[in-house]
Amino acid sequence: MELTGIWSLAPIPALVGILLYIGLSIGRGWWVPKTSHEREIAAANKRGDEWKETALSTRTLNMELARQNTDLTEANKTAAEFFGTVLRDGGGKRVAQTNTPIT
């Protein structure tokens, strides 16, 4: 039987079959040339490498910031202990500060 004969018997199922074949071939990549596919895979790998480098540099920066925050916290503890001691012990003789010069 000829293709035209099948078409005349069932035009809607034939059209659906053609559309399914086109969808399947696009989905499976049968119409994509191998060189284009390899080019896209190489570009995706390059982007992945760039993202990895960015993530590593960000991790290094975050570690440095965490270290600095720890140092600042330790410095704050020292100041808090000092001022706590001064306030607890009365702070010695307090002198009022004014804007007038001492004569």
C-alpha atoms as a PDB file:
ATOM      1  CA  MET A   1       0.000   0.000   0.000  1.00  0.00           C
ATOM      2  CA  GLU A   2       1.251   3.456  -0.787  1.00  0.00           C
ATOM      3  CA  LEU A   3       1.780   6.254   1.711  1.00  0.00           C
ATOM      4  CA  THR A   4      -0.920   8.291   0.029  1.00  0.00           C
ATOM      5  CA  GLY A   5      -3.314   5.396   0.477  1.00  0.00           C
ATOM      6  CA  ILE A   6      -2.632   5.247   4.215  1.00  0.00           C
ATOM      7  CA  TRP A   7      -3.108   9.007   4.430  1.00  0.00           C
ATOM      8  CA  SER A   8      -6.519   8.776   2.799  1.00  0.00           C
ATOM      9  CA  LEU A   9      -7.584   5.998   5.194  1.00  0.00           C
ATOM     10  CA  ALA A  10      -6.673   7.762   8.449  1.00  0.00           C
ATOM     11  CA  PRO A  11      -5.460  11.363   8.091  1.00  0.00           C
ATOM     12  CA  ILE A  12      -5.733  12.323  11.776  1.00  0.00           C
ATOM     13  CA  PRO A  13      -3.799   9.323  13.184  1.00  0.00           C
ATOM     14  CA  ALA A  14      -1.171   9.777  10.461  1.00  0.00           C
ATOM     15  CA  LEU A  15      -0.741  13.434  11.419  1.00  0.00           C
ATOM     16  CA  VAL A  16      -0.533  12.497  15.095  1.00  0.00           C
ATOM     17  CA  GLY A  17       2.096   9.840  14.262  1.00  0.00           C
ATOM     18  CA  ILE A  18       4.181  12.350  12.312  1.00  0.00           C
ATOM     19  CA  LEU A  19       3.977  14.862  15.156  1.00  0.00           C
ATOM     20  CA  LEU A  20       4.969  12.173  17.681  1.00  0.00           C
ATOM     21  CA  TYR A  21       7.929  11.168  15.524  1.00  0.00           C
ATOM     22  CA  ILE A  22       9.046  14.808  15.248  1.00  0.00           C
ATOM     23  CA  GLY A  23       8.697  15.283  19.017  1.00  0.00           C
ATOM     24  CA  LEU A  24      10.602  12.078  19.729  1.00  0.00           C
ATOM     25  CA  SER A  25      13.398  12.972  17.330  1.00  0.00           C
ATOM     26  CA  ILE A  26      13.756  16.443  18.844  1.00  0.00           C
ATOM     27  CA  GLY A  27      13.666  15.036  22.371  1.00  0.00           C
ATOM     28  CA  ARG A  28      16.285  12.400  21.624  1.00  0.00           C
ATOM     29  CA  GLY A  29      18.483  14.909  19.803  1.00  0.00           C
ATOM     30  CA  TRP A  30      18.503  13.102  16.473  1.00  0.00           C
ATOM     31  CA  TRP A  31      18.481  16.410  14.594  1.00  0.00           C
ATOM     32  CA  VAL A  32      21.323  18.018  16.557  1.00  0.00           C
ATOM     33  CA  PRO A  33      24.726  17.686  14.880  1.00  0.00           C
ATOM     34  CA  LYS A  34      27.418  16.028  16.996  1.00  0.00           C
ATOM     35  CA  THR A  35      29.742  19.054  16.740  1.00  0.00           C
ATOM     36  CA  SER A  36      27.043  21.358  18.106  1.00  0.00           C
ATOM     37  CA  HIS A  37      26.352  18.952  20.943  1.00  0.00           C
ATOM     38  CA  GLU A  38      30.038  18.703  21.854  1.00  0.00           C
ATOM     39  CA  ARG A  39      30.391  22.505  21.691  1.00  0.00           C
ATOM     40  CA  GLU A  40      27.492  22.952  24.131  1.00  0.00           C
ATOM     41  CA  ILE A  41      28.873  20.300  26.490  1.00  0.00           C
ATOM     42  CA  ALA A  42      32.300  22.018  26.472  1.00  0.00           C
ATOM     43  CA  ALA A  43      30.664  25.394  27.201  1.00  0.00           C
ATOM     44  CA  ALA A  44      28.679  23.869  30.077  1.00  0.00           C
ATOM     45  CA  ASN A  45      31.841  22.305  31.524  1.00  0.00           C
ATOM     46  CA  LYS A  46      33.644  25.658  31.282  1.00  0.00           C
ATOM     47  CA  ARG A  47      30.786  27.398  33.116  1.00  0.00           C
ATOM     48  CA  GLY A  48      30.910  24.694  35.779  1.00  0.00           C
ATOM     49  CA  ASP A  49      34.638  25.255  36.260  1.00  0.00           C
ATOM     50  CA  GLU A  50      34.086  29.021  36.562  1.00  0.00           C
ATOM     51  CA  TRP A  51      31.352  28.481  39.157  1.00  0.00           C
ATOM     52  CA  LYS A  52      33.634  26.144  41.097  1.00  0.00           C
ATOM     53  CA  GLU A  53      36.426  28.746  41.153  1.00  0.00           C
ATOM     54  CA  THR A  54      33.961  31.397  42.301  1.00  0.00           C
ATOM     55  CA  ALA A  55      32.668  29.130  45.052  1.00  0.00           C
ATOM     56  CA  LEU A  56      36.196  28.394  46.266  1.00  0.00           C
ATOM     57  CA  SER A  57      37.167  32.068  46.321  1.00  0.00           C
ATOM     58  CA  THR A  58      33.943  32.905  48.159  1.00  0.00           C
ATOM     59  CA  ARG A  59      34.660  30.154  50.681  1.00  0.00           C
ATOM     60  CA  THR A  60      38.147  31.601  51.267  1.00  0.00           C
ATOM     61  CA  LEU A  61      36.700  35.080  51.733  1.00  0.00           C
ATOM     62  CA  ASN A  62      34.074  33.780  54.179  1.00  0.00           C
ATOM     63  CA  MET A  63      36.741  31.987  56.205  1.00  0.00           C
ATOM     64  CA  GLU A  64      38.780  35.210  56.447  1.00  0.00           C
ATOM     65  CA  LEU A  65      35.709  37.179  57.527  1.00  0.00           C
ATOM     66  CA  ALA A  66      34.902  34.563  60.162  1.00  0.00           C
ATOM     67  CA  ARG A  67      38.470  34.815  61.491  1.00  0.00           C
ATOM     68  CA  GLN A  68      38.230  38.615  61.652  1.00  0.00           C
ATOM     69  CA  ASN A  69      34.882  38.383  63.454  1.00  0.00           C
ATOM     70  CA  THR A  70      36.422  36.008  65.979  1.00  0.00           C
ATOM     71  CA  ASP A  71      39.283  38.464  66.565  1.00  0.00           C
ATOM     72  CA  LEU A  72      36.825  41.331  67.035  1.00  0.00           C
ATOM     73  CA  THR A  73      34.779  39.257  69.462  1.00  0.00           C
ATOM     74  CA  GLU A  74      37.875  38.491  71.515  1.00  0.00           C
ATOM     75  CA  ALA A  75      38.828  42.191  71.547  1.00  0.00           C
ATOM     76  CA  ASN A  76      35.306  43.073  72.655  1.00  0.00           C
ATOM     77  CA  LYS A  77      35.522  40.553  75.520  1.00  0.00           C
ATOM     78  CA  THR A  78      38.712  42.215  76.728  1.00  0.00           C
ATOM     79  CA  ALA A  79      37.123  45.672  76.665  1.00  0.00           C
ATOM     80  CA  ALA A  80      33.968  44.390  78.362  1.00  0.00           C
ATOM     81  CA  GLU A  81      36.011  42.784  81.138  1.00  0.00           C
ATOM     82  CA  PHE A  82      37.998  45.986  81.637  1.00  0.00           C
ATOM     83  CA  PHE A  83      34.976  48.272  81.808  1.00  0.00           C
ATOM     84  CA  GLY A  84      33.086  45.755  83.928  1.00  0.00           C
ATOM     85  CA  THR A  85      35.947  45.772  86.412  1.00  0.00           C
ATOM     86  CA  VAL A  86      36.156  49.576  86.397  1.00  0.00           C
ATOM     87  CA  LEU A  87      32.425  49.957  87.003  1.00  0.00           C
ATOM     88  CA  ARG A  88      32.307  47.184  89.592  1.00  0.00           C
ATOM     89  CA  ASP A  89      35.253  48.624  91.546  1.00  0.00           C
ATOM     90  CA  GLY A  90      33.888  52.154  91.474  1.00  0.00           C
ATOM     91  CA  GLY A  91      36.086  53.424  88.684  1.00  0.00           C
ATOM     92  CA  GLY A  92      38.283  55.523  90.891  1.00  0.00           C
ATOM     93  CA  LYS A  93      37.878  59.287  91.101  1.00  0.00           C
ATOM     94  CA  ARG A  94      35.628  60.652  88.412  1.00  0.00           C
ATOM     95  CA  VAL A  95      36.194  64.123  87.015  1.00  0.00           C
ATOM     96  CA  ALA A  96      33.400  65.945  85.247  1.00  0.00           C
ATOM     97  CA  GLN A  97      34.379  66.974  81.771  1.00  0.00           C
ATOM     98  CA  THR A  98      33.521  70.468  80.620  1.00  0.00           C
ATOM     99  CA  ASN A  99      34.355  72.602  77.668  1.00  0.00           C
ATOM    100  CA  THR A 100      35.998  75.233  79.818  1.00  0.00           C
ATOM    101  CA  PRO A 101      39.794  75.312  79.883  1.00  0.00           C
ATOM    102  CA  ILE A 102      41.588  74.362  83.082  1.00  0.00           C
ATOM    103  CA  THR A 103      43.249  77.370  84.754  1.00  0.00           C
END
